[in-house]
Protein backbone atom coordinates (compact mmCIF):
# COMPACT_ATOMS: atom_id res chain seq x y z
CA MET A 1 -44.21 5.76 29.08
CA VAL A 2 -40.73 4.68 27.94
CA ALA A 3 -39.86 4.98 24.28
CA LYS A 4 -38.59 1.80 22.68
CA LYS A 5 -35.30 1.93 20.88
CA LYS A 6 -35.27 0.69 17.34
CA LYS A 7 -32.83 -2.08 16.69
CA THR A 8 -30.38 -1.11 14.04
CA THR A 9 -28.22 -3.55 12.24
CA LYS A 10 -24.86 -2.45 11.03
CA THR A 11 -23.57 -4.09 7.92
CA LYS A 12 -20.00 -5.08 8.31
CA LYS A 13 -17.79 -4.17 5.38
CA VAL A 14 -15.49 -6.95 4.32
CA ASP A 15 -12.36 -6.26 2.29
CA VAL A 16 -12.74 -8.90 -0.38
CA LEU A 17 -9.31 -8.08 -1.80
CA ALA A 18 -7.64 -9.14 1.45
CA HIS A 19 -9.14 -12.65 1.40
CA VAL A 20 -6.63 -15.47 0.96
CA LEU A 21 -8.59 -17.05 -1.93
CA VAL A 22 -8.93 -13.85 -3.97
CA PRO A 23 -6.09 -13.39 -6.47
CA ASN A 24 -4.43 -10.03 -7.08
CA HIS A 25 -6.58 -7.68 -9.20
CA THR A 26 -5.40 -4.42 -10.76
CA ILE A 27 -6.97 -1.98 -13.19
CA LEU A 28 -4.94 -1.43 -16.34
CA THR A 29 -4.17 2.08 -17.58
CA LYS A 30 -5.45 3.14 -20.99
CA LYS A 31 -1.92 2.81 -22.38
CA ALA A 32 -1.49 -0.71 -20.96
CA THR A 33 -4.92 -1.68 -22.31
CA THR A 34 -4.01 -0.46 -25.79
CA ARG A 35 -0.72 -2.38 -25.64
CA LEU A 36 -2.54 -5.57 -24.54
CA LEU A 37 -5.11 -5.36 -27.34
CA LYS A 38 -2.43 -4.68 -29.93
CA GLU A 39 -0.17 -7.49 -28.66
CA TYR A 40 -2.91 -10.11 -28.95
CA SER A 41 -4.68 -8.52 -31.97
CA ILE A 42 -8.02 -8.47 -30.18
CA ARG A 43 -10.77 -6.00 -29.27
CA LEU A 44 -12.18 -5.28 -25.82
CA VAL A 45 -15.29 -7.35 -26.53
CA ASN A 46 -13.08 -10.41 -27.11
CA LEU A 47 -12.01 -10.42 -23.45
CA PRO A 48 -13.97 -12.34 -20.81
CA ARG A 49 -16.25 -10.06 -18.81
CA ILE A 50 -16.49 -9.04 -15.17
CA PHE A 51 -19.55 -7.09 -14.06
CA GLU A 52 -19.24 -3.64 -12.54
CA ASP A 53 -21.28 -4.82 -9.52
CA ASP A 54 -18.89 -7.73 -8.82
CA PRO A 55 -17.56 -7.34 -5.24
CA VAL A 56 -13.94 -7.20 -6.42
CA ALA A 57 -14.72 -4.69 -9.20
CA GLU A 58 -16.56 -2.52 -6.68
CA ALA A 59 -13.64 -2.72 -4.24
CA LEU A 60 -11.24 -1.66 -7.00
CA GLY A 61 -13.52 1.10 -8.23
CA ALA A 62 -13.57 -0.40 -11.74
CA LYS A 63 -15.98 1.27 -14.15
CA GLU A 64 -17.52 0.12 -17.42
CA GLY A 65 -14.89 -0.03 -20.15
CA SER A 66 -11.97 -0.69 -17.79
CA VAL A 67 -9.76 -3.77 -18.07
CA VAL A 68 -8.83 -5.69 -14.93
CA LYS A 69 -5.68 -7.81 -14.77
CA ILE A 70 -5.95 -10.86 -12.50
CA THR A 71 -2.70 -12.48 -11.36
CA ARG A 72 -3.02 -15.96 -9.86
CA GLU A 73 -0.31 -18.03 -8.23
CA SER A 74 0.19 -21.37 -9.95
CA ASP A 75 1.51 -24.70 -8.69
CA THR A 76 2.51 -25.74 -12.19
CA ILE A 77 5.68 -25.09 -14.13
CA VAL A 78 4.80 -21.37 -14.40
CA ASP A 79 4.79 -19.32 -11.21
CA LYS A 80 2.00 -16.91 -12.09
CA VAL A 81 -0.88 -16.81 -14.54
CA GLU A 82 -2.23 -13.49 -15.77
CA THR A 83 -5.76 -13.14 -17.12
CA PHE A 84 -7.70 -10.07 -18.17
CA ARG A 85 -11.36 -9.11 -17.82
CA PHE A 86 -13.38 -6.37 -19.49
CA VAL A 87 -15.64 -4.49 -17.04
CA THR A 88 -19.22 -4.21 -18.20
CA VAL A 89 -22.60 -3.28 -16.70
CA ARG A 90 -25.01 -6.10 -15.92
CA ARG A 91 -28.05 -5.80 -18.19
CA SER A 92 -31.42 -6.92 -16.87
């Protein structure tokens, strides 16, 4: 009797940060985060959120409480647009 081989499927890892449609993401240092909050007179909870399980946040290694800076190219009068997101855990 011949043993049957189990079919295994390998999941292919995709580098989401390398995709042409994904803008540049970077995690801010604590010092840069403090400077940002002071400059705009805001608190972390005032920033838009990005979930810790978001593919880009996972690729960056962003953890809850981090701030991610997103830099997008613009076709308008400004060359680049910077936005910031507060990393949070998705609650069920």
